[in-house]
Amino acid sequence: MFFGLSDFFVETNRDFVRQLSSRKIDYEYHETAGEHSWEYWDRALQPMLRAMARTLSVSAVAEKECPFPPRI
């Protein structure tokens, strides 16, 4: 999960992460600069999809067939 530090959901997201931790559920969580906006999601979506693909063990398929190449 990737969320911006200025996102109005940031405290809700942190509460959710605390619940996952208390139940010993594996997760990946990142907070970066940004807010709840399309500009943020344009930057965060590709890394989030790659992390999800790794978690689901389909990274080779996801990277090969992804119609949206990573932005550099």
Protein backbone atom coordinates (compact mmCIF):
# COMPACT_ATOMS: atom_id res chain seq x y z
CA MET A 1 0.00 0.00 0.00
CA PHE A 2 1.29 3.44 -0.87
CA PHE A 3 -0.16 6.58 0.66
CA GLY A 4 0.71 10.25 0.66
CA LEU A 5 1.60 11.97 3.92
CA SER A 6 -0.88 14.76 3.12
CA ASP A 7 -3.69 12.34 2.24
CA PHE A 8 -6.79 12.92 4.37
CA PHE A 9 -6.94 9.12 4.82
CA VAL A 10 -3.44 8.87 6.32
CA GLU A 11 -4.63 8.31 9.92
CA THR A 12 -7.20 5.74 8.77
CA ASN A 13 -4.45 3.96 6.84
CA ARG A 14 -2.17 3.99 9.87
CA ASP A 15 -4.96 2.53 12.02
CA PHE A 16 -5.41 -0.23 9.45
CA VAL A 17 -1.67 -0.96 9.47
CA ARG A 18 -1.74 -1.20 13.27
CA GLN A 19 -4.59 -3.73 13.02
CA LEU A 20 -2.65 -5.79 10.47
CA SER A 21 0.42 -5.75 12.72
CA SER A 22 -1.54 -6.71 15.82
CA ARG A 23 -2.88 -9.74 13.92
CA LYS A 24 0.59 -10.58 12.57
CA ILE A 25 -0.60 -10.23 8.96
CA ASP A 26 2.16 -9.62 6.42
CA TYR A 27 1.84 -6.38 4.49
CA GLU A 28 3.90 -3.76 2.72
CA TYR A 29 3.14 -0.12 3.51
CA HIS A 30 4.83 3.06 2.30
CA GLU A 31 4.14 6.70 3.05
CA THR A 32 5.61 9.25 0.70
CA ALA A 33 5.16 12.96 0.08
CA GLY A 34 1.85 13.74 -1.56
CA GLU A 35 -1.88 14.07 -1.09
CA HIS A 36 -5.07 12.38 -2.26
CA SER A 37 -4.78 13.44 -5.90
CA TRP A 38 -4.34 12.09 -9.42
CA GLU A 39 -0.78 13.43 -9.49
CA TYR A 40 0.08 11.28 -6.49
CA TRP A 41 -1.56 8.17 -7.95
CA ASP A 42 0.17 8.71 -11.28
CA ARG A 43 3.48 8.42 -9.40
CA ALA A 44 2.49 5.68 -6.94
CA LEU A 45 0.45 3.29 -9.06
CA GLN A 46 3.26 1.51 -10.93
CA PRO A 47 5.37 0.78 -7.80
CA MET A 48 2.23 -0.41 -6.01
CA LEU A 49 1.28 -2.74 -8.87
CA ARG A 50 4.83 -4.16 -8.99
CA ALA A 51 4.75 -4.80 -5.23
CA MET A 52 1.38 -6.50 -5.56
CA ALA A 53 2.66 -8.62 -8.44
CA ARG A 54 5.68 -9.72 -6.36
CA THR A 55 3.36 -10.63 -3.50
CA LEU A 56 1.14 -12.63 -5.80
CA SER A 57 4.19 -14.28 -7.41
CA VAL A 58 3.26 -13.17 -10.89
CA SER A 59 5.94 -10.52 -11.39
CA ALA A 60 7.30 -12.06 -14.60
CA VAL A 61 3.87 -12.12 -16.19
CA ALA A 62 2.90 -8.70 -14.83
CA GLU A 63 6.04 -6.98 -16.07
CA LYS A 64 5.93 -8.70 -19.45
CA GLU A 65 2.26 -8.02 -20.12
CA CYS A 66 1.82 -4.68 -18.34
CA PRO A 67 0.58 -2.17 -20.95
CA PHE A 68 1.94 0.73 -18.86
CA PRO A 69 5.75 0.75 -18.78
CA PRO A 70 7.34 2.13 -15.60
CA ARG A 71 8.09 5.84 -15.66
CA ILE A 72 11.68 6.86 -15.13
